[in-house]
PDB file of N, CA and C in Angstrom:
ATOM      1  N   MET A   1       0.760  -1.145   0.032  1.00  0.00           N
ATOM      2  CA  MET A   1       0.072   0.022   0.045  1.00  0.00           C
ATOM      3  C   MET A   1       0.918   1.415   0.046  1.00  0.00           C
ATOM      4  N   PHE A   2       1.848   1.331   0.779  1.00  0.00           N
ATOM      5  CA  PHE A   2       2.749   2.523   0.956  1.00  0.00           C
ATOM      6  C   PHE A   2       3.515   2.547  -0.333  1.00  0.00           C
ATOM      7  N   ARG A   3       3.916   1.689  -1.038  1.00  0.00           N
ATOM      8  CA  ARG A   3       4.577   1.701  -2.345  1.00  0.00           C
ATOM      9  C   ARG A   3       3.752   2.336  -3.426  1.00  0.00           C
ATOM     10  N   ASP A   4       2.516   2.038  -3.283  1.00  0.00           N
ATOM     11  CA  ASP A   4       1.459   2.765  -4.412  1.00  0.00           C
ATOM     12  C   ASP A   4       1.299   4.204  -3.867  1.00  0.00           C
ATOM     13  N   LEU A   5       1.318   4.547  -2.848  1.00  0.00           N
ATOM     14  CA  LEU A   5       1.118   5.974  -2.249  1.00  0.00           C
ATOM     15  C   LEU A   5       2.470   6.699  -2.608  1.00  0.00           C
ATOM     16  N   THR A   6       3.506   6.099  -2.506  1.00  0.00           N
ATOM     17  CA  THR A   6       4.849   6.773  -2.920  1.00  0.00           C
ATOM     18  C   THR A   6       4.849   6.961  -4.408  1.00  0.00           C
ATOM     19  N   ASN A   7       4.421   5.970  -5.170  1.00  0.00           N
ATOM     20  CA  ASN A   7       4.513   6.262  -6.684  1.00  0.00           C
ATOM     21  C   ASN A   7       3.554   7.286  -7.090  1.00  0.00           C
ATOM     22  N   ILE A   8       2.419   7.572  -6.366  1.00  0.00           N
ATOM     23  CA  ILE A   8       1.493   8.610  -6.778  1.00  0.00           C
ATOM     24  C   ILE A   8       2.119   9.922  -6.472  1.00  0.00           C
ATOM     25  N   ILE A   9       2.602   9.992  -5.251  1.00  0.00           N
ATOM     26  CA  ILE A   9       3.328  11.087  -4.868  1.00  0.00           C
ATOM     27  C   ILE A   9       4.541  11.697  -5.804  1.00  0.00           C
ATOM     28  N   TYR A  10       5.321  10.718  -6.060  1.00  0.00           N
ATOM     29  CA  TYR A  10       6.510  11.033  -6.783  1.00  0.00           C
ATOM     30  C   TYR A  10       6.479  10.840  -8.308  1.00  0.00           C
ATOM     31  N   ASP A  11       5.249  10.679  -8.843  1.00  0.00           N
ATOM     32  CA  ASP A  11       4.974  10.459 -10.330  1.00  0.00           C
ATOM     33  C   ASP A  11       5.182  11.759 -10.980  1.00  0.00           C
ATOM     34  N   LYS A  12       6.038  11.708 -11.971  1.00  0.00           N
ATOM     35  CA  LYS A  12       6.404  12.950 -12.916  1.00  0.00           C
ATOM     36  C   LYS A  12       5.842  12.896 -14.110  1.00  0.00           C
ATOM     37  N   LYS A  13       4.742  12.026 -14.329  1.00  0.00           N
ATOM     38  CA  LYS A  13       4.182  11.998 -15.782  1.00  0.00           C
ATOM     39  C   LYS A  13       3.195  12.885 -15.870  1.00  0.00           C
ATOM     40  N   LEU A  14       2.884  13.498 -17.069  1.00  0.00           N
ATOM     41  CA  LEU A  14       1.841  14.339 -17.262  1.00  0.00           C
ATOM     42  C   LEU A  14       0.469  13.808 -17.053  1.00  0.00           C
ATOM     43  N   ARG A  15      -0.297  14.544 -16.342  1.00  0.00           N
ATOM     44  CA  ARG A  15      -1.593  14.065 -16.035  1.00  0.00           C
ATOM     45  C   ARG A  15      -2.660  15.271 -16.193  1.00  0.00           C
ATOM     46  N   ILE A  16      -3.575  14.910 -16.938  1.00  0.00           N
ATOM     47  CA  ILE A  16      -4.753  16.019 -17.205  1.00  0.00           C
ATOM     48  C   ILE A  16      -6.001  15.283 -16.656  1.00  0.00           C
ATOM     49  N   THR A  17      -6.828  16.159 -15.794  1.00  0.00           N
ATOM     50  CA  THR A  17      -8.054  15.824 -15.330  1.00  0.00           C
ATOM     51  C   THR A  17      -9.100  16.793 -15.611  1.00  0.00           C
ATOM     52  N   LEU A  18     -10.033  16.376 -16.199  1.00  0.00           N
ATOM     53  CA  LEU A  18     -11.280  17.255 -16.583  1.00  0.00           C
ATOM     54  C   LEU A  18     -12.660  16.963 -15.975  1.00  0.00           C
ATOM     55  N   ILE A  19     -13.120  17.790 -15.197  1.00  0.00           N
ATOM     56  CA  ILE A  19     -14.351  17.437 -14.555  1.00  0.00           C
ATOM     57  C   ILE A  19     -15.218  18.443 -14.801  1.00  0.00           C
ATOM     58  N   ASP A  20     -16.279  18.651 -15.597  1.00  0.00           N
ATOM     59  CA  ASP A  20     -17.185  19.636 -15.860  1.00  0.00           C
ATOM     60  C   ASP A  20     -16.332  20.732 -16.496  1.00  0.00           C
ATOM     61  N   ASN A  21     -16.292  21.982 -15.893  1.00  0.00           N
ATOM     62  CA  ASN A  21     -15.468  23.010 -16.519  1.00  0.00           C
ATOM     63  C   ASN A  21     -14.412  23.431 -15.695  1.00  0.00           C
ATOM     64  N   CYS A  22     -13.752  22.354 -15.136  1.00  0.00           N
ATOM     65  CA  CYS A  22     -12.537  22.471 -14.333  1.00  0.00           C
ATOM     66  C   CYS A  22     -11.357  21.591 -14.824  1.00  0.00           C
ATOM     67  N   MET A  23     -10.269  22.039 -15.179  1.00  0.00           N
ATOM     68  CA  MET A  23      -9.173  21.102 -15.744  1.00  0.00           C
ATOM     69  C   MET A  23      -8.016  21.221 -14.827  1.00  0.00           C
ATOM     70  N   ASN A  24      -7.489  20.182 -14.315  1.00  0.00           N
ATOM     71  CA  ASN A  24      -6.071  20.088 -13.629  1.00  0.00           C
ATOM     72  C   ASN A  24      -5.025  19.580 -14.473  1.00  0.00           C
ATOM     73  N   ILE A  25      -3.943  20.105 -14.501  1.00  0.00           N
ATOM     74  CA  ILE A  25      -2.969  19.734 -15.353  1.00  0.00           C
ATOM     75  C   ILE A  25      -1.647  19.507 -14.220  1.00  0.00           C
ATOM     76  N   ASN A  26      -1.148  18.235 -14.153  1.00  0.00           N
ATOM     77  CA  ASN A  26      -0.131  18.099 -13.338  1.00  0.00           C
ATOM     78  C   ASN A  26       1.161  17.712 -14.044  1.00  0.00           C
ATOM     79  N   ASN A  27       2.215  18.241 -13.525  1.00  0.00           N
ATOM     80  CA  ASN A  27       3.668  18.054 -13.958  1.00  0.00           C
ATOM     81  C   ASN A  27       3.826  18.851 -15.333  1.00  0.00           C
ATOM     82  N   TYR A  28       3.377  20.040 -15.373  1.00  0.00           N
ATOM     83  CA  TYR A  28       3.588  20.749 -16.523  1.00  0.00           C
ATOM     84  C   TYR A  28       4.957  21.662 -16.456  1.00  0.00           C
ATOM     85  N   GLU A  29       5.467  22.111 -17.351  1.00  0.00           N
ATOM     86  CA  GLU A  29       6.742  22.935 -17.420  1.00  0.00           C
ATOM     87  C   GLU A  29       6.585  24.353 -17.387  1.00  0.00           C
ATOM     88  N   GLU A  30       5.566  24.906 -18.141  1.00  0.00           N
ATOM     89  CA  GLU A  30       5.661  26.372 -18.248  1.00  0.00           C
ATOM     90  C   GLU A  30       4.251  26.820 -18.956  1.00  0.00           C
ATOM     91  N   ILE A  31       3.705  27.885 -18.503  1.00  0.00           N
ATOM     92  CA  ILE A  31       2.565  28.496 -19.110  1.00  0.00           C
ATOM     93  C   ILE A  31       3.077  29.468 -20.112  1.00  0.00           C
ATOM     94  N   LEU A  32       2.690  29.249 -21.323  1.00  0.00           N
ATOM     95  CA  LEU A  32       3.230  29.918 -22.354  1.00  0.00           C
ATOM     96  C   LEU A  32       2.361  31.117 -22.735  1.00  0.00           C
ATOM     97  N   ILE A  33       1.011  30.895 -22.716  1.00  0.00           N
ATOM     98  CA  ILE A  33      -0.045  31.994 -23.066  1.00  0.00           C
ATOM     99  C   ILE A  33      -1.155  31.888 -22.010  1.00  0.00           C
ATOM    100  N   PHE A  34      -1.463  33.046 -21.465  1.00  0.00           N
ATOM    101  CA  PHE A  34      -2.815  32.921 -20.709  1.00  0.00           C
ATOM    102  C   PHE A  34      -3.668  34.014 -20.953  1.00  0.00           C
ATOM    103  N   GLU A  35      -4.763  33.916 -21.586  1.00  0.00           N
ATOM    104  CA  GLU A  35      -5.802  34.786 -21.935  1.00  0.00           C
ATOM    105  C   GLU A  35      -7.232  34.332 -21.685  1.00  0.00           C
ATOM    106  N   ASP A  36      -8.053  35.309 -21.775  1.00  0.00           N
ATOM    107  CA  ASP A  36      -9.486  34.866 -21.459  1.00  0.00           C
ATOM    108  C   ASP A  36     -10.051  33.814 -22.303  1.00  0.00           C
ATOM    109  N   ASN A  37      -9.602  33.565 -23.337  1.00  0.00           N
ATOM    110  CA  ASN A  37     -10.208  32.573 -24.367  1.00  0.00           C
ATOM    111  C   ASN A  37      -9.136  31.619 -24.653  1.00  0.00           C
ATOM    112  N   GLN A  38      -7.974  31.638 -24.231  1.00  0.00           N
ATOM    113  CA  GLN A  38      -7.049  30.325 -24.582  1.00  0.00           C
ATOM    114  C   GLN A  38      -5.890  30.455 -23.489  1.00  0.00           C
ATOM    115  N   VAL A  39      -5.415  29.098 -23.116  1.00  0.00           N
ATOM    116  CA  VAL A  39      -4.310  28.974 -22.270  1.00  0.00           C
ATOM    117  C   VAL A  39      -3.443  27.787 -23.176  1.00  0.00           C
ATOM    118  N   LEU A  40      -2.242  28.197 -23.150  1.00  0.00           N
ATOM    119  CA  LEU A  40      -1.093  27.408 -23.849  1.00  0.00           C
ATOM    120  C   LEU A  40      -0.074  26.969 -22.764  1.00  0.00           C
ATOM    121  N   ILE A  41      -0.002  25.658 -22.773  1.00  0.00           N
ATOM    122  CA  ILE A  41       0.878  25.081 -21.592  1.00  0.00           C
ATOM    123  C   ILE A  41       1.902  24.193 -22.225  1.00  0.00           C
ATOM    124  N   LYS A  42       3.110  24.277 -21.807  1.00  0.00           N
ATOM    125  CA  LYS A  42       4.207  23.310 -22.266  1.00  0.00           C
ATOM    126  C   LYS A  42       4.272  22.422 -21.215  1.00  0.00           C
ATOM    127  N   ALA A  43       4.349  21.225 -21.625  1.00  0.00           N
ATOM    128  CA  ALA A  43       4.623  20.080 -20.845  1.00  0.00           C
ATOM    129  C   ALA A  43       5.669  19.142 -21.667  1.00  0.00           C
ATOM    130  N   LYS A  44       6.076  18.269 -21.067  1.00  0.00           N
ATOM    131  CA  LYS A  44       7.313  17.489 -21.542  1.00  0.00           C
ATOM    132  C   LYS A  44       6.781  16.761 -22.834  1.00  0.00           C
ATOM    133  N   ASN A  45       7.421  17.188 -23.920  1.00  0.00           N
ATOM    134  CA  ASN A  45       6.958  16.483 -25.120  1.00  0.00           C
ATOM    135  C   ASN A  45       5.569  16.809 -25.582  1.00  0.00           C
ATOM    136  N   LYS A  46       4.854  17.812 -24.954  1.00  0.00           N
ATOM    137  CA  LYS A  46       3.601  18.059 -25.435  1.00  0.00           C
ATOM    138  C   LYS A  46       3.255  19.554 -25.346  1.00  0.00           C
ATOM    139  N   THR A  47       2.315  20.202 -26.116  1.00  0.00           N
ATOM    140  CA  THR A  47       1.949  21.439 -25.853  1.00  0.00           C
ATOM    141  C   THR A  47       0.366  21.207 -25.615  1.00  0.00           C
ATOM    142  N   ILE A  48      -0.192  21.790 -24.658  1.00  0.00           N
ATOM    143  CA  ILE A  48      -1.583  21.621 -24.320  1.00  0.00           C
ATOM    144  C   ILE A  48      -2.315  22.874 -24.568  1.00  0.00           C
ATOM    145  N   LYS A  49      -3.209  23.039 -25.664  1.00  0.00           N
ATOM    146  CA  LYS A  49      -3.927  24.338 -25.809  1.00  0.00           C
ATOM    147  C   LYS A  49      -5.426  24.131 -25.504  1.00  0.00           C
ATOM    148  N   VAL A  50      -5.767  25.032 -24.540  1.00  0.00           N
ATOM    149  CA  VAL A  50      -7.218  24.835 -24.041  1.00  0.00           C
ATOM    150  C   VAL A  50      -7.850  26.259 -24.649  1.00  0.00           C
ATOM    151  N   LYS A  51      -9.006  25.987 -25.206  1.00  0.00           N
ATOM    152  CA  LYS A  51      -9.739  27.354 -25.653  1.00  0.00           C
ATOM    153  C   LYS A  51     -11.139  27.223 -25.108  1.00  0.00           C
ATOM    154  N   GLY A  52     -11.686  28.448 -24.923  1.00  0.00           N
ATOM    155  CA  GLY A  52     -12.904  28.519 -24.274  1.00  0.00           C
ATOM    156  C   GLY A  52     -13.190  29.917 -24.036  1.00  0.00           C
ATOM    157  N   GLU A  53     -14.205  30.155 -22.905  1.00  0.00           N
ATOM    158  CA  GLU A  53     -14.527  31.600 -22.528  1.00  0.00           C
ATOM    159  C   GLU A  53     -14.422  31.687 -21.074  1.00  0.00           C
ATOM    160  N   SER A  54     -14.074  32.929 -20.717  1.00  0.00           N
ATOM    161  CA  SER A  54     -14.019  33.231 -19.349  1.00  0.00           C
ATOM    162  C   SER A  54     -13.097  32.419 -18.492  1.00  0.00           C
ATOM    163  N   LEU A  55     -11.878  31.913 -19.162  1.00  0.00           N
ATOM    164  CA  LEU A  55     -10.821  30.914 -18.653  1.00  0.00           C
ATOM    165  C   LEU A  55     -10.095  31.686 -17.589  1.00  0.00           C
ATOM    166  N   SER A  56      -9.900  30.950 -16.472  1.00  0.00           N
ATOM    167  CA  SER A  56      -9.158  31.679 -15.341  1.00  0.00           C
ATOM    168  C   SER A  56      -8.204  30.524 -14.722  1.00  0.00           C
ATOM    169  N   ILE A  57      -7.055  30.901 -14.176  1.00  0.00           N
ATOM    170  CA  ILE A  57      -6.249  30.017 -13.469  1.00  0.00           C
ATOM    171  C   ILE A  57      -6.599  30.183 -11.917  1.00  0.00           C
ATOM    172  N   THR A  58      -7.301  29.233 -11.298  1.00  0.00           N
ATOM    173  CA  THR A  58      -7.655  29.195 -10.006  1.00  0.00           C
ATOM    174  C   THR A  58      -6.648  28.479  -8.945  1.00  0.00           C
ATOM    175  N   ARG A  59      -5.594  27.733  -9.542  1.00  0.00           N
ATOM    176  CA  ARG A  59      -4.594  27.182  -8.601  1.00  0.00           C
ATOM    177  C   ARG A  59      -3.473  27.039  -9.429  1.00  0.00           C
ATOM    178  N   LEU A  60      -2.354  27.483  -8.813  1.00  0.00           N
ATOM    179  CA  LEU A  60      -1.036  27.604  -9.459  1.00  0.00           C
ATOM    180  C   LEU A  60       0.005  27.227  -8.628  1.00  0.00           C
ATOM    181  N   GLU A  61       0.676  25.956  -8.805  1.00  0.00           N
ATOM    182  CA  GLU A  61       1.593  25.528  -8.005  1.00  0.00           C
ATOM    183  C   GLU A  61       2.886  25.027  -8.943  1.00  0.00           C
ATOM    184  N   ASN A  62       3.960  24.741  -8.350  1.00  0.00           N
ATOM    185  CA  ASN A  62       5.177  24.337  -9.320  1.00  0.00           C
ATOM    186  C   ASN A  62       4.844  23.158 -10.057  1.00  0.00           C
ATOM    187  N   ASN A  63       3.958  22.319  -9.951  1.00  0.00           N
ATOM    188  CA  ASN A  63       3.547  21.220 -10.884  1.00  0.00           C
ATOM    189  C   ASN A  63       2.193  21.015 -11.041  1.00  0.00           C
ATOM    190  N   GLU A  64       1.385  21.959 -10.731  1.00  0.00           N
ATOM    191  CA  GLU A  64      -0.053  21.765 -10.870  1.00  0.00           C
ATOM    192  C   GLU A  64      -0.758  23.236 -11.221  1.00  0.00           C
ATOM    193  N   VAL A  65      -1.581  23.055 -12.247  1.00  0.00           N
ATOM    194  CA  VAL A  65      -2.268  24.337 -12.618  1.00  0.00           C
ATOM    195  C   VAL A  65      -3.847  23.969 -12.752  1.00  0.00           C
ATOM    196  N   ARG A  66      -4.735  24.688 -12.345  1.00  0.00           N
ATOM    197  CA  ARG A  66      -6.082  24.463 -12.500  1.00  0.00           C
ATOM    198  C   ARG A  66      -6.803  25.530 -13.229  1.00  0.00           C
ATOM    199  N   ILE A  67      -7.466  25.201 -14.356  1.00  0.00           N
ATOM    200  CA  ILE A  67      -8.058  26.119 -15.284  1.00  0.00           C
ATOM    201  C   ILE A  67      -9.531  25.954 -15.137  1.00  0.00           C
ATOM    202  N   GLU A  68     -10.149  27.098 -14.974  1.00  0.00           N
ATOM    203  CA  GLU A  68     -11.688  26.915 -14.822  1.00  0.00           C
ATOM    204  C   GLU A  68     -12.289  27.847 -15.896  1.00  0.00           C
ATOM    205  N   GLY A  69     -13.531  27.623 -16.201  1.00  0.00           N
ATOM    206  CA  GLY A  69     -14.134  28.447 -17.193  1.00  0.00           C
ATOM    207  C   GLY A  69     -15.103  27.506 -18.145  1.00  0.00           C
ATOM    208  N   GLU A  70     -15.488  28.143 -19.297  1.00  0.00           N
ATOM    209  CA  GLU A  70     -16.168  27.522 -20.301  1.00  0.00           C
ATOM    210  C   GLU A  70     -15.356  26.652 -21.200  1.00  0.00           C
ATOM    211  N   ILE A  71     -14.724  25.571 -20.884  1.00  0.00           N
ATOM    212  CA  ILE A  71     -13.722  25.002 -21.755  1.00  0.00           C
ATOM    213  C   ILE A  71     -14.434  24.253 -22.974  1.00  0.00           C
ATOM    214  N   LYS A  72     -13.987  24.719 -24.181  1.00  0.00           N
ATOM    215  CA  LYS A  72     -14.707  24.184 -25.434  1.00  0.00           C
ATOM    216  C   LYS A  72     -13.800  23.227 -26.102  1.00  0.00           C
ATOM    217  N   THR A  73     -12.403  23.433 -26.241  1.00  0.00           N
ATOM    218  CA  THR A  73     -11.580  22.433 -26.808  1.00  0.00           C
ATOM    219  C   THR A  73     -10.392  22.152 -26.083  1.00  0.00           C
ATOM    220  N   ILE A  74      -9.758  21.124 -26.344  1.00  0.00           N
ATOM    221  CA  ILE A  74      -8.424  20.919 -25.595  1.00  0.00           C
ATOM    222  C   ILE A  74      -7.724  20.114 -26.777  1.00  0.00           C
ATOM    223  N   ASP A  75      -6.509  20.756 -27.068  1.00  0.00           N
ATOM    224  CA  ASP A  75      -5.578  20.189 -28.150  1.00  0.00           C
ATOM    225  C   ASP A  75      -4.248  19.681 -27.628  1.00  0.00           C
ATOM    226  N   LEU A  76      -3.914  18.422 -27.585  1.00  0.00           N
ATOM    227  CA  LEU A  76      -2.617  17.943 -27.211  1.00  0.00           C
ATOM    228  C   LEU A  76      -1.651  17.811 -28.324  1.00  0.00           C
ATOM    229  N   GLY A  77      -0.924  18.830 -28.656  1.00  0.00           N
ATOM    230  CA  GLY A  77      -0.015  18.676 -29.761  1.00  0.00           C
ATOM    231  C   GLY A  77       1.338  18.336 -29.367  1.00  0.00           C
ATOM    232  N   ASP A  78       2.286  18.103 -30.199  1.00  0.00           N
ATOM    233  CA  ASP A  78       3.622  17.718 -30.085  1.00  0.00           C
ATOM    234  C   ASP A  78       4.583  18.893 -30.047  1.00  0.00           C
TER     235      ASP A  78
END
């Protein structure tokens, strides 16, 4: 059990969770663009483009960002 918990805590893989109009991104590298209608985030080997309306960042930590608003599209590019 503790091994599983340690693996979750120290996991460095990109993780994206979307629930309703709230999106969490774990283990990102940099926020490239932050605007009311789009957010562009750099992660290891990926660029995440979120488009929508009234987008805001409601949580910002070294390895986690939370985006809320009316999320319309998510593009996972290389």
